[in-house]
């Protein structure tokens, strides 16, 4: 089993769940679609999208 990495992605986008970066995506649309699907299935989670280019996090689009 691979170990967990704490490094931020250098390119693309990632989904952050309850403060932990999880899945990486190459496109913004892919990350948003994945995040929206997770939020629909698990509304109690805090889900944000991390943008590696700007090194910023943002909440899901409304």
C-alpha atoms as a PDB file:
ATOM      1  CA  UNK A   1       0.000   0.000   0.000  1.00  0.00           C
ATOM      2  CA  UNK A   2       1.513   3.357  -0.982  1.00  0.00           C
ATOM      3  CA  UNK A   3       2.073   5.876   1.789  1.00  0.00           C
ATOM      4  CA  UNK A   4       0.128   9.096   2.016  1.00  0.00           C
ATOM      5  CA  UNK A   5       1.854  12.156   0.631  1.00  0.00           C
ATOM      6  CA  UNK A   6       1.513  15.576   2.199  1.00  0.00           C
ATOM      7  CA  UNK A   7       2.958  17.425  -0.799  1.00  0.00           C
ATOM      8  CA  UNK A   8       0.749  19.815  -2.697  1.00  0.00           C
ATOM      9  CA  UNK A   9       0.258  19.015  -6.376  1.00  0.00           C
ATOM     10  CA  UNK A  10       2.436  21.096  -8.692  1.00  0.00           C
ATOM     11  CA  UNK A  11       0.007  21.072 -11.639  1.00  0.00           C
ATOM     12  CA  UNK A  12      -3.721  20.698 -12.138  1.00  0.00           C
ATOM     13  CA  UNK A  13      -6.386  20.583  -9.481  1.00  0.00           C
ATOM     14  CA  UNK A  14      -7.182  18.446  -6.438  1.00  0.00           C
ATOM     15  CA  UNK A  15     -10.192  17.784  -4.233  1.00  0.00           C
ATOM     16  CA  UNK A  16      -9.714  18.643  -0.578  1.00  0.00           C
ATOM     17  CA  UNK A  17     -11.973  16.766   1.832  1.00  0.00           C
ATOM     18  CA  UNK A  18     -12.110  17.973   5.432  1.00  0.00           C
ATOM     19  CA  UNK A  19      -8.704  19.639   5.018  1.00  0.00           C
ATOM     20  CA  UNK A  20      -6.931  16.685   3.376  1.00  0.00           C
ATOM     21  CA  UNK A  21      -6.003  16.649  -0.307  1.00  0.00           C
ATOM     22  CA  UNK A  22      -7.315  13.529  -1.971  1.00  0.00           C
ATOM     23  CA  UNK A  23      -7.843  13.079  -5.712  1.00  0.00           C
ATOM     24  CA  UNK A  24      -5.899  15.015  -8.356  1.00  0.00           C
ATOM     25  CA  UNK A  25      -7.386  16.136 -11.686  1.00  0.00           C
ATOM     26  CA  UNK A  26      -5.807  17.659 -14.771  1.00  0.00           C
ATOM     27  CA  UNK A  27      -8.788  19.936 -15.513  1.00  0.00           C
ATOM     28  CA  UNK A  28     -10.864  22.340 -13.466  1.00  0.00           C
ATOM     29  CA  UNK A  29     -14.079  20.881 -14.865  1.00  0.00           C
ATOM     30  CA  UNK A  30     -13.095  17.363 -13.816  1.00  0.00           C
ATOM     31  CA  UNK A  31     -12.318  18.505 -10.282  1.00  0.00           C
ATOM     32  CA  UNK A  32     -15.594  20.425 -10.023  1.00  0.00           C
ATOM     33  CA  UNK A  33     -17.619  17.473 -11.324  1.00  0.00           C
ATOM     34  CA  UNK A  34     -15.955  15.099  -8.857  1.00  0.00           C
ATOM     35  CA  UNK A  35     -16.393  17.510  -5.956  1.00  0.00           C
ATOM     36  CA  UNK A  36     -20.062  18.143  -6.740  1.00  0.00           C
ATOM     37  CA  UNK A  37     -20.735  14.406  -6.950  1.00  0.00           C
ATOM     38  CA  UNK A  38     -19.052  13.817  -3.581  1.00  0.00           C
ATOM     39  CA  UNK A  39     -20.968  16.696  -1.974  1.00  0.00           C
ATOM     40  CA  UNK A  40     -24.237  15.294  -3.342  1.00  0.00           C
ATOM     41  CA  UNK A  41     -23.481  11.872  -1.859  1.00  0.00           C
ATOM     42  CA  UNK A  42     -21.932  13.132   1.395  1.00  0.00           C
ATOM     43  CA  UNK A  43     -23.354  16.591   2.212  1.00  0.00           C
ATOM     44  CA  UNK A  44     -21.788  16.647   5.683  1.00  0.00           C
ATOM     45  CA  UNK A  45     -18.216  16.775   4.294  1.00  0.00           C
ATOM     46  CA  UNK A  46     -16.327  20.019   3.790  1.00  0.00           C
ATOM     47  CA  UNK A  47     -15.174  19.809   0.169  1.00  0.00           C
ATOM     48  CA  UNK A  48     -12.975  22.378  -1.567  1.00  0.00           C
ATOM     49  CA  UNK A  49     -10.999  22.508  -4.809  1.00  0.00           C
ATOM     50  CA  UNK A  50      -7.245  23.213  -4.737  1.00  0.00           C
ATOM     51  CA  UNK A  51      -5.734  24.993  -7.760  1.00  0.00           C
ATOM     52  CA  UNK A  52      -2.019  24.143  -8.067  1.00  0.00           C
ATOM     53  CA  UNK A  53      -1.263  27.041 -10.432  1.00  0.00           C
ATOM     54  CA  UNK A  54      -2.488  29.755  -8.040  1.00  0.00           C
ATOM     55  CA  UNK A  55      -1.805  27.687  -4.893  1.00  0.00           C
ATOM     56  CA  UNK A  56      -5.307  28.544  -3.644  1.00  0.00           C
ATOM     57  CA  UNK A  57      -8.367  26.723  -2.385  1.00  0.00           C
ATOM     58  CA  UNK A  58     -11.981  27.563  -3.101  1.00  0.00           C
ATOM     59  CA  UNK A  59     -15.367  26.292  -2.084  1.00  0.00           C
ATOM     60  CA  UNK A  60     -17.610  24.473  -4.506  1.00  0.00           C
ATOM     61  CA  UNK A  61     -19.519  26.567  -7.040  1.00  0.00           C
ATOM     62  CA  UNK A  62     -23.052  27.280  -5.906  1.00  0.00           C
END
